[in-house]
């Protein structure tokens, strides 16, 4: 699923990520990272034939955590693992967990690219929630992009038509949870290094799923354990590549190319499962991607503008 769905991208404007302005390197790392994620998703879809979604997500979090722990022990002091705002970190991790469960549930029934396109409404949801949660001004252009992006989601889902599948609502739920996750990530911007917040999300995700695991457990066998371990390793690799990309280039630059993940997901779905989005789905995907890219570039431009003192009429609206 979407890069930031599973990766703590951090914030390019945050002191937690030091950017050295190598855009080509950043773009290359992002392309590698988001091209790796659909491989993990493909394994999750394959495992869903025999295992419950909760067990698959548990394996994904567990092995990601086991891979992450040696790196943290090597690079991060123990005292740095304590979050500065544990309550908000827990809420943020809960939104990411909801994203993962909805996403894995949806891909059990639908092609990878279809579900991923719905998950990509997350940045649009984040923009829509920003005035309420972050007290950020959103101008008419970005509101229009949000509305168009949701229209694209409706094209993919096509409610009321014979092609509608109820699992599409899980994909939409993944996008809504992802948007809430992005909002809380912005609230936490700069509070902890990306690897530390990755640790928090992995611990909370694995811990919460362990509570429900006994009710759905199926012995996965040696093959199942191997696939879950591979899934965790691919997720960890993708996360590190994505974080590294944001360390080397501005967020709007690398975030815009992250939509290549949909192409990679379509390729994995086609080769592994014989799934390929139909023409209307590709139209919906195009609408969602165009809206997301516009919002990303627009927000990046506005963040670079100097903040002028408000005159008698107050802050000026977005152009």
Protein backbone atom coordinates (compact mmCIF):
# COMPACT_ATOMS: atom_id res chain seq x y z
CA UNK A 1 0.00 0.00 0.00
CA UNK A 2 0.92 3.61 -0.21
CA UNK A 3 4.42 4.58 0.87
CA UNK A 4 3.41 6.71 3.75
CA UNK A 5 0.75 4.19 4.65
CA UNK A 6 3.50 1.96 5.95
CA UNK A 7 6.43 4.35 6.13
CA UNK A 8 7.03 7.18 8.49
CA UNK A 9 8.11 9.64 5.88
CA UNK A 10 8.56 12.41 8.36
CA UNK A 11 8.41 15.98 7.18
CA UNK A 12 10.96 17.59 4.93
CA UNK A 13 10.46 20.83 6.84
CA UNK A 14 11.12 19.12 10.15
CA UNK A 15 14.43 19.35 12.00
CA UNK A 16 14.21 15.60 12.47
CA UNK A 17 15.19 15.16 8.82
CA UNK A 18 18.22 16.95 7.49
CA UNK A 19 17.90 17.46 3.74
CA UNK A 20 21.06 17.72 1.63
CA UNK A 21 19.28 18.82 -1.58
CA UNK A 22 20.07 16.06 -4.03
CA UNK A 23 16.76 15.84 -5.89
CA UNK A 24 17.79 13.18 -8.42
CA UNK A 25 19.03 10.90 -5.65
CA UNK A 26 15.85 11.57 -3.68
CA UNK A 27 13.63 10.75 -6.65
CA UNK A 28 15.59 7.54 -7.37
CA UNK A 29 15.28 6.37 -3.77
CA UNK A 30 11.55 7.15 -3.72
CA UNK A 31 10.99 5.21 -6.95
CA UNK A 32 12.86 2.20 -5.51
CA UNK A 33 10.96 2.45 -2.23
CA UNK A 34 7.46 2.68 -3.70
CA UNK A 35 8.26 -0.01 -6.26
CA UNK A 36 9.18 -2.36 -3.38
CA UNK A 37 5.96 -1.85 -1.43
CA UNK A 38 3.65 -3.61 -3.94
CA UNK A 39 5.83 -6.71 -3.61
CA UNK A 40 4.97 -6.73 0.09
CA UNK A 41 1.31 -6.15 -0.74
CA UNK A 42 1.37 -9.01 -3.22
CA UNK A 43 2.61 -11.35 -0.49
CA UNK A 44 -0.16 -10.14 1.83
CA UNK A 45 -2.74 -10.82 -0.89
CA UNK A 46 -1.28 -14.29 -1.49
CA UNK A 47 -1.35 -15.12 2.24
CA UNK A 48 -4.97 -13.94 2.57
CA UNK A 49 -6.12 -17.14 0.88
CA UNK A 50 -5.17 -19.11 4.02
CA UNK A 51 -4.63 -16.60 6.85
CA UNK A 52 -6.81 -13.96 8.49
CA UNK A 53 -6.02 -10.32 7.76
CA UNK A 54 -5.20 -9.72 11.45
CA UNK A 55 -2.59 -12.51 11.40
CA UNK A 56 -1.06 -11.20 8.17
CA UNK A 57 -0.83 -7.66 9.54
CA UNK A 58 0.63 -9.01 12.80
CA UNK A 59 3.36 -10.82 10.88
CA UNK A 60 4.07 -7.68 8.88
CA UNK A 61 4.50 -5.58 12.04
CA UNK A 62 6.37 -8.25 13.99
CA UNK A 63 9.07 -8.94 11.43
CA UNK A 64 9.42 -5.27 10.62
CA UNK A 65 10.06 -4.68 14.33
CA UNK A 66 12.56 -7.55 14.58
CA UNK A 67 14.52 -6.14 11.63
CA UNK A 68 14.37 -2.60 13.03
CA UNK A 69 15.56 -3.43 16.57
CA UNK A 70 19.25 -4.13 15.71
CA UNK A 71 19.46 -0.90 13.72
CA UNK A 72 17.96 1.08 16.60
CA UNK A 73 20.33 -0.57 19.10
CA UNK A 74 23.23 0.45 16.88
CA UNK A 75 22.21 4.03 16.11
CA UNK A 76 19.74 5.27 18.74
CA UNK A 77 20.28 5.61 22.52
CA UNK A 78 17.64 3.90 24.65
CA UNK A 79 16.50 7.19 26.20
CA UNK A 80 15.79 8.58 22.71
CA UNK A 81 13.15 5.88 22.17
CA UNK A 82 10.82 7.52 24.68
CA UNK A 83 8.27 9.64 22.77
CA UNK A 84 7.76 13.28 23.74
CA UNK A 85 4.01 13.02 23.27
CA UNK A 86 3.09 9.37 23.94
CA UNK A 87 -0.67 9.94 23.65
CA UNK A 88 -0.49 11.47 20.20
CA UNK A 89 2.02 8.82 19.11
CA UNK A 90 -0.46 6.14 20.17
CA UNK A 91 -3.29 7.81 18.24
CA UNK A 92 -1.08 8.15 15.19
CA UNK A 93 -0.08 4.48 15.37
CA UNK A 94 -3.73 3.49 15.74
CA UNK A 95 -4.59 5.32 12.50
CA UNK A 96 -1.75 3.54 10.70
CA UNK A 97 -2.91 0.21 12.09
CA UNK A 98 -6.44 0.94 10.85
CA UNK A 99 -4.99 1.80 7.45
CA UNK A 100 -3.09 -1.48 7.28
CA UNK A 101 -6.06 -3.63 8.32
CA UNK A 102 -8.45 -1.92 5.89
CA UNK A 103 -5.92 -2.13 3.09
CA UNK A 104 -5.03 -5.79 3.60
CA UNK A 105 -8.73 -6.61 3.92
CA UNK A 106 -9.51 -4.86 0.64
CA UNK A 107 -6.70 -6.47 -1.38
CA UNK A 108 -8.00 -9.87 -0.31
CA UNK A 109 -10.88 -9.28 -2.73
CA UNK A 110 -9.78 -6.56 -5.17
CA UNK A 111 -6.80 -5.88 -7.47
CA UNK A 112 -3.86 -4.17 -5.80
CA UNK A 113 -3.96 -1.08 -8.01
CA UNK A 114 -7.68 -0.51 -7.41
CA UNK A 115 -7.25 -0.51 -3.63
CA UNK A 116 -4.06 1.52 -3.73
CA UNK A 117 -5.76 4.22 -5.77
CA UNK A 118 -8.40 4.56 -3.05
CA UNK A 119 -5.73 4.67 -0.34
CA UNK A 120 -4.11 7.56 -2.20
CA UNK A 121 -6.99 9.83 -1.24
CA UNK A 122 -5.18 10.07 2.12
CA UNK A 123 -3.28 13.28 1.27
CA UNK A 124 -6.54 14.84 0.10
CA UNK A 125 -8.21 13.84 3.38
CA UNK A 126 -5.25 15.38 5.21
CA UNK A 127 -5.72 18.65 3.32
CA UNK A 128 -9.44 18.65 4.12
CA UNK A 129 -8.77 18.07 7.84
CA UNK A 130 -5.94 20.61 8.09
CA UNK A 131 -8.13 23.68 8.79
CA UNK A 132 -9.89 21.86 11.63
CA UNK A 133 -7.00 19.99 13.24
CA UNK A 134 -3.91 22.01 12.30
CA UNK A 135 -5.52 25.44 11.92
CA UNK A 136 -3.99 25.69 8.45
CA UNK A 137 -5.60 27.80 5.74
CA UNK A 138 -6.72 25.87 2.66
CA UNK A 139 -7.56 28.03 -0.33
CA UNK A 140 -10.09 27.45 -3.11
CA UNK A 141 -7.62 25.76 -5.46
CA UNK A 142 -6.76 23.02 -3.00
CA UNK A 143 -10.41 22.60 -1.96
CA UNK A 144 -11.23 22.12 -5.65
CA UNK A 145 -8.43 19.53 -5.95
CA UNK A 146 -9.80 17.68 -2.91
CA UNK A 147 -13.30 17.60 -4.43
CA UNK A 148 -11.97 16.39 -7.79
CA UNK A 149 -9.89 13.72 -6.04
CA UNK A 150 -12.93 12.37 -4.24
CA UNK A 151 -14.77 12.32 -7.55
CA UNK A 152 -11.94 10.17 -8.87
CA UNK A 153 -12.46 7.78 -5.94
CA UNK A 154 -16.14 7.49 -6.89
CA UNK A 155 -15.11 6.61 -10.45
CA UNK A 156 -12.97 3.77 -9.08
CA UNK A 157 -15.69 2.53 -6.69
CA UNK A 158 -18.68 3.21 -8.98
CA UNK A 159 -21.35 2.85 -6.26
CA UNK A 160 -24.73 1.69 -7.45
CA UNK A 161 -23.34 -0.06 -10.53
CA UNK A 162 -22.99 -3.79 -11.04
CA UNK A 163 -19.19 -3.55 -10.85
CA UNK A 164 -19.31 -2.23 -7.29
CA UNK A 165 -17.67 -4.48 -4.70
CA UNK A 166 -18.24 -3.91 -0.95
CA UNK A 167 -14.49 -4.35 -0.34
CA UNK A 168 -14.06 -0.98 -2.07
CA UNK A 169 -15.36 0.56 1.15
CA UNK A 170 -12.41 -1.00 2.98
CA UNK A 171 -10.09 0.63 0.44
CA UNK A 172 -11.84 3.93 1.06
CA UNK A 173 -11.50 3.35 4.80
CA UNK A 174 -7.76 2.83 4.30
CA UNK A 175 -7.56 6.22 2.58
CA UNK A 176 -9.53 7.95 5.35
CA UNK A 177 -7.38 6.40 8.09
CA UNK A 178 -4.27 7.31 6.12
CA UNK A 179 -5.40 10.93 5.91
CA UNK A 180 -5.90 11.03 9.69
CA UNK A 181 -2.47 9.42 10.09
CA UNK A 182 -0.90 12.16 7.97
CA UNK A 183 -2.57 14.87 10.05
CA UNK A 184 -1.21 13.43 13.30
CA UNK A 185 2.20 13.00 11.64
CA UNK A 186 2.21 16.72 10.89
CA UNK A 187 1.26 17.47 14.48
CA UNK A 188 4.25 15.39 15.62
CA UNK A 189 6.62 16.88 13.04
CA UNK A 190 10.10 17.28 14.51
CA UNK A 191 9.29 15.60 17.83
CA UNK A 192 11.28 12.43 17.10
CA UNK A 193 13.62 11.09 14.39
CA UNK A 194 11.86 8.98 11.74
CA UNK A 195 13.44 5.70 12.88
CA UNK A 196 12.15 6.27 16.40
CA UNK A 197 8.59 6.88 15.25
CA UNK A 198 8.86 3.79 13.05
CA UNK A 199 9.72 1.89 16.23
CA UNK A 200 6.67 3.26 18.03
CA UNK A 201 4.29 2.33 15.23
CA UNK A 202 5.76 -1.18 14.94
CA UNK A 203 5.55 -1.82 18.70
CA UNK A 204 2.00 -0.52 19.03
CA UNK A 205 0.84 -2.32 15.90
CA UNK A 206 2.37 -5.67 16.87
CA UNK A 207 1.16 -5.30 20.46
CA UNK A 208 -2.43 -4.43 19.57
CA UNK A 209 -2.70 -7.20 16.99
CA UNK A 210 -1.23 -9.74 19.43
CA UNK A 211 -4.30 -9.26 21.64
CA UNK A 212 -6.64 -10.33 18.83
CA UNK A 213 -4.30 -12.94 17.35
CA UNK A 214 -5.43 -15.97 19.43
CA UNK A 215 -8.98 -15.61 18.06
CA UNK A 216 -7.91 -15.89 14.41
CA UNK A 217 -4.70 -17.90 14.60
CA UNK A 218 -4.00 -20.50 11.93
CA UNK A 219 -0.70 -22.35 11.91
CA UNK A 220 1.07 -20.82 8.88
CA UNK A 221 3.62 -23.58 8.43
CA UNK A 222 7.22 -23.05 7.41
CA UNK A 223 6.24 -21.50 4.09
CA UNK A 224 3.83 -19.06 5.75
CA UNK A 225 6.43 -17.95 8.29
CA UNK A 226 8.95 -17.44 5.47
CA UNK A 227 6.49 -15.32 3.48
CA UNK A 228 5.64 -13.20 6.54
CA UNK A 229 9.34 -12.67 7.25
CA UNK A 230 9.89 -11.65 3.62
CA UNK A 231 6.93 -9.29 3.84
CA UNK A 232 8.40 -7.59 6.93
CA UNK A 233 11.83 -7.33 5.31
CA UNK A 234 10.40 -5.75 2.15
CA UNK A 235 8.37 -3.30 4.22
CA UNK A 236 11.40 -2.30 6.28
CA UNK A 237 13.54 -1.87 3.15
CA UNK A 238 10.89 0.26 1.47
CA UNK A 239 10.51 2.44 4.56
CA UNK A 240 14.22 3.15 4.80
CA UNK A 241 14.44 3.99 1.10
CA UNK A 242 11.50 6.40 1.42
CA UNK A 243 12.92 8.08 4.53
CA UNK A 244 16.27 8.41 2.76
CA UNK A 245 14.54 10.03 -0.21
CA UNK A 246 13.05 12.73 2.01
CA UNK A 247 16.51 13.35 3.47
CA UNK A 248 17.80 14.22 0.01
CA UNK A 249 15.03 16.18 -1.68
CA UNK A 250 12.11 18.46 -0.89
CA UNK A 251 8.84 16.75 0.07
CA UNK A 252 6.79 17.96 -2.96
CA UNK A 253 9.46 16.65 -5.35
CA UNK A 254 9.62 13.10 -3.99
CA UNK A 255 5.96 12.89 -2.95
CA UNK A 256 4.88 13.60 -6.52
CA UNK A 257 6.79 10.61 -7.91
CA UNK A 258 5.44 8.34 -5.15
CA UNK A 259 2.38 7.75 -7.36
CA UNK A 260 4.56 5.44 -9.44
CA UNK A 261 3.56 2.93 -6.77
CA UNK A 262 0.22 2.51 -8.55
CA UNK A 263 2.00 1.43 -11.75
CA UNK A 264 4.13 -1.01 -9.76
CA UNK A 265 1.02 -2.35 -8.01
CA UNK A 266 -0.71 -2.86 -11.35
CA UNK A 267 2.33 -4.77 -12.63
CA UNK A 268 2.51 -7.01 -9.55
CA UNK A 269 -1.24 -7.64 -9.67
CA UNK A 270 -1.11 -8.51 -13.35
CA UNK A 271 1.88 -10.87 -13.21
CA UNK A 272 1.05 -12.54 -9.89
CA UNK A 273 -2.75 -12.66 -9.90
CA UNK A 274 -3.89 -11.86 -13.43
CA UNK A 275 -5.60 -8.66 -12.21
CA UNK A 276 -5.51 -5.49 -14.25
CA UNK A 277 -7.58 -2.31 -13.74
CA UNK A 278 -10.22 -1.62 -16.38
CA UNK A 279 -10.46 1.62 -18.36
CA UNK A 280 -12.77 3.40 -15.91
CA UNK A 281 -10.54 2.48 -12.99
CA UNK A 282 -7.52 3.96 -14.79
CA UNK A 283 -9.51 7.15 -15.39
CA UNK A 284 -10.34 7.32 -11.68
CA UNK A 285 -6.71 6.64 -10.79
CA UNK A 286 -5.60 9.45 -13.11
CA UNK A 287 -8.01 11.89 -11.47
CA UNK A 288 -6.85 10.95 -7.95
CA UNK A 289 -3.17 11.15 -8.90
CA UNK A 290 -3.55 14.51 -10.65
CA UNK A 291 -5.37 15.95 -7.63
CA UNK A 292 -2.80 14.57 -5.21
CA UNK A 293 0.15 15.88 -7.21
CA UNK A 294 -1.46 19.32 -7.44
CA UNK A 295 -2.06 19.45 -3.68
CA UNK A 296 1.49 18.27 -2.95
CA UNK A 297 3.14 20.80 -5.27
CA UNK A 298 0.82 23.60 -4.16
CA UNK A 299 1.49 23.00 -0.46
CA UNK A 300 5.22 22.83 -1.12
CA UNK A 301 5.11 26.16 -2.92
CA UNK A 302 3.08 27.84 -0.19
CA UNK A 303 5.44 26.56 2.53
CA UNK A 304 8.35 28.19 0.72
CA UNK A 305 6.63 31.59 0.54
CA UNK A 306 7.70 34.10 3.22
CA UNK A 307 4.99 34.81 5.77
CA UNK A 308 3.93 38.45 5.43
CA UNK A 309 2.49 40.36 8.38
CA UNK A 310 -1.29 40.36 8.31
CA UNK A 311 -2.75 43.73 7.34
CA UNK A 312 -5.99 45.27 8.55
CA UNK A 313 -7.98 42.74 6.59
CA UNK A 314 -6.13 39.76 8.12
CA UNK A 315 -4.25 37.00 6.27
CA UNK A 316 -4.60 36.98 2.53
CA UNK A 317 -6.41 34.02 0.95
CA UNK A 318 -4.59 31.53 -1.22
CA UNK A 319 -4.43 32.51 -4.86
